Amino acid sequence: MLNKMLTALLFCCLPALAAADDHDFDNFIDVELTVSQVSMGEAGMVITYEGVAGKYGLVHATHNMVATNKENTKGYFTGTVQAINDEGDLEKSATLGLWSRTGTTLKVYGFDDDDASRILHISNVDLVTKSFQARVWELR
């Protein structure tokens, strides 16, 4: 099952990686959200984020974290992101990627697939302070 999920992740990300080949990585957006909920279960951890994120407007995101080692220090995630901008337009997208954990801090590497562009984000999540800080690149 894990191999199938990672293979699917690779195929989903290949078009974004090809677009990233010609991308200027100096052009990014910094985003800060609040961790609004963390729940843990047999299948893994679910983290929900929310807040206002610049031009994206009001953002609500959920990451379903699944560990790939017995220490629960790394794995993959799937989820959803939705944003309502200042004009009231709602955009939804799927998100997926990889994560690693040291103590109560996670490093998250993800891709969002929305209609306008592919989004690459690298995030730091602090579960104690309930902080989500991301650097976001729009890949066309």
Protein backbone atom coordinates (compact mmCIF):
# COMPACT_ATOMS: atom_id res chain seq x y z
CA MET A 1 0.00 0.00 0.00
CA LEU A 2 2.78 2.41 0.95
CA ASN A 3 4.62 1.77 -2.30
CA LYS A 4 1.46 2.54 -4.27
CA MET A 5 0.94 5.78 -2.32
CA LEU A 6 4.54 6.91 -2.85
CA THR A 7 4.35 6.03 -6.55
CA ALA A 8 1.14 8.05 -6.87
CA LEU A 9 2.83 10.93 -5.05
CA LEU A 10 5.75 10.82 -7.45
CA PHE A 11 3.51 10.86 -10.53
CA CYS A 12 1.43 13.71 -9.10
CA CYS A 13 4.56 15.76 -8.43
CA LEU A 14 6.38 15.13 -11.74
CA PRO A 15 4.51 17.84 -13.67
CA ALA A 16 5.24 20.34 -10.88
CA LEU A 17 8.90 19.36 -10.82
CA ALA A 18 9.11 19.86 -14.57
CA ALA A 19 7.54 23.31 -14.15
CA ALA A 20 9.94 24.01 -11.27
CA ASP A 21 12.86 23.49 -13.65
CA ASP A 22 12.28 26.96 -15.15
CA HIS A 23 11.04 28.61 -11.96
CA ASP A 24 12.61 31.54 -10.12
CA PHE A 25 12.81 30.33 -6.52
CA ASP A 26 13.58 33.85 -5.29
CA ASN A 27 9.91 34.67 -5.88
CA PHE A 28 7.98 33.22 -2.91
CA ILE A 29 5.26 34.11 -0.43
CA ASP A 30 5.66 33.62 3.32
CA VAL A 31 2.50 32.34 4.99
CA GLU A 32 1.68 31.99 8.68
CA LEU A 33 -1.32 29.99 9.87
CA THR A 34 -2.48 28.73 13.24
CA VAL A 35 -2.76 25.05 14.09
CA SER A 36 -6.42 24.90 15.07
CA GLN A 37 -6.70 21.18 15.84
CA VAL A 38 -4.53 18.09 16.25
CA SER A 39 -6.08 14.67 16.59
CA MET A 40 -4.31 11.34 16.82
CA GLY A 41 -5.58 7.88 16.03
CA GLU A 42 -4.58 4.47 14.76
CA ALA A 43 -4.22 5.74 11.18
CA GLY A 44 -1.96 8.65 12.20
CA MET A 45 -2.26 12.31 13.06
CA VAL A 46 -4.64 14.85 11.53
CA ILE A 47 -3.60 18.51 11.72
CA THR A 48 -5.93 21.36 10.78
CA TYR A 49 -4.66 24.87 10.05
CA GLU A 50 -6.42 28.18 9.53
CA GLY A 51 -5.74 31.86 9.11
CA VAL A 52 -5.40 34.73 6.68
CA ALA A 53 -2.61 34.15 4.16
CA GLY A 54 -1.97 37.30 2.13
CA LYS A 55 -3.38 37.23 -1.41
CA TYR A 56 -4.95 33.80 -0.79
CA GLY A 57 -7.29 35.24 1.83
CA LEU A 58 -8.87 33.06 4.50
CA VAL A 59 -7.22 29.63 4.34
CA HIS A 60 -8.31 26.37 5.93
CA ALA A 61 -6.17 23.24 5.43
CA THR A 62 -6.09 19.68 6.71
CA HIS A 63 -3.13 17.30 6.59
CA ASN A 64 -3.70 13.59 7.25
CA MET A 65 -0.24 12.49 8.44
CA VAL A 66 0.74 8.83 8.09
CA ALA A 67 4.01 7.57 9.58
CA THR A 68 6.27 5.29 7.58
CA ASN A 69 8.52 4.19 10.43
CA LYS A 70 7.85 2.70 13.86
CA GLU A 71 9.24 5.77 15.63
CA ASN A 72 6.61 7.97 13.92
CA THR A 73 9.29 10.47 12.91
CA LYS A 74 8.63 10.60 9.16
CA GLY A 75 5.97 9.82 6.62
CA TYR A 76 3.62 11.18 3.98
CA PHE A 77 0.41 13.20 4.06
CA THR A 78 -2.66 13.88 1.99
CA GLY A 79 -5.26 16.53 2.56
CA THR A 80 -7.26 19.47 1.33
CA VAL A 81 -6.81 23.23 1.21
CA GLN A 82 -9.47 25.82 0.60
CA ALA A 83 -9.17 29.59 0.46
CA ILE A 84 -11.65 32.44 0.19
CA ASN A 85 -10.03 35.56 -1.25
CA ASP A 86 -11.07 39.20 -0.67
CA GLU A 87 -13.48 39.04 -3.62
CA GLY A 88 -15.28 36.09 -2.06
CA ASP A 89 -14.01 33.50 -4.56
CA LEU A 90 -13.54 30.01 -3.09
CA GLU A 91 -10.72 27.79 -4.34
CA LYS A 92 -10.19 24.20 -3.25
CA SER A 93 -7.26 21.93 -3.94
CA ALA A 94 -5.76 18.62 -2.97
CA THR A 95 -2.47 18.65 -1.11
CA LEU A 96 0.11 15.92 -0.56
CA GLY A 97 3.70 15.50 0.42
CA LEU A 98 6.25 14.26 2.91
CA TRP A 99 7.01 15.17 6.51
CA SER A 100 9.55 14.54 9.25
CA ARG A 101 9.29 15.17 12.99
CA THR A 102 11.82 16.11 15.65
CA GLY A 103 10.16 16.29 19.06
CA THR A 104 7.09 18.49 18.66
CA THR A 105 8.26 20.18 15.45
CA LEU A 106 7.44 18.97 11.95
CA LYS A 107 9.09 19.83 8.64
CA VAL A 108 6.54 19.49 5.83
CA TYR A 109 7.27 19.39 2.08
CA GLY A 110 4.12 19.56 0.00
CA PHE A 111 2.39 20.23 -3.29
CA ASP A 112 -1.09 21.67 -3.80
CA ASP A 113 -2.88 21.14 -7.08
CA ASP A 114 -5.31 23.96 -7.74
CA ASP A 115 -6.75 25.29 -10.98
CA ALA A 116 -4.55 28.36 -11.30
CA SER A 117 -1.15 26.78 -10.62
CA ARG A 118 0.72 24.07 -8.81
CA ILE A 119 1.85 25.19 -5.37
CA LEU A 120 5.07 24.02 -3.70
CA HIS A 121 5.31 24.70 0.03
CA ILE A 122 7.95 23.99 2.63
CA SER A 123 6.62 24.42 6.14
CA ASN A 124 7.60 24.30 9.77
CA VAL A 125 4.88 23.23 12.18
CA ASP A 126 5.31 23.70 15.93
CA LEU A 127 2.69 21.65 17.74
CA VAL A 128 3.35 23.35 21.10
CA THR A 129 3.00 26.97 19.93
CA LYS A 130 0.40 25.91 17.32
CA SER A 131 2.34 27.70 14.60
CA PHE A 132 2.46 26.85 10.88
CA GLN A 133 5.01 28.85 8.88
CA ALA A 134 5.38 28.16 5.19
CA ARG A 135 7.33 29.43 2.24
CA VAL A 136 5.13 29.08 -0.86
CA TRP A 137 6.08 29.04 -4.54
CA GLU A 138 3.54 29.14 -7.37
CA LEU A 139 4.68 26.87 -10.18
CA ARG A 140 3.00 27.57 -13.53
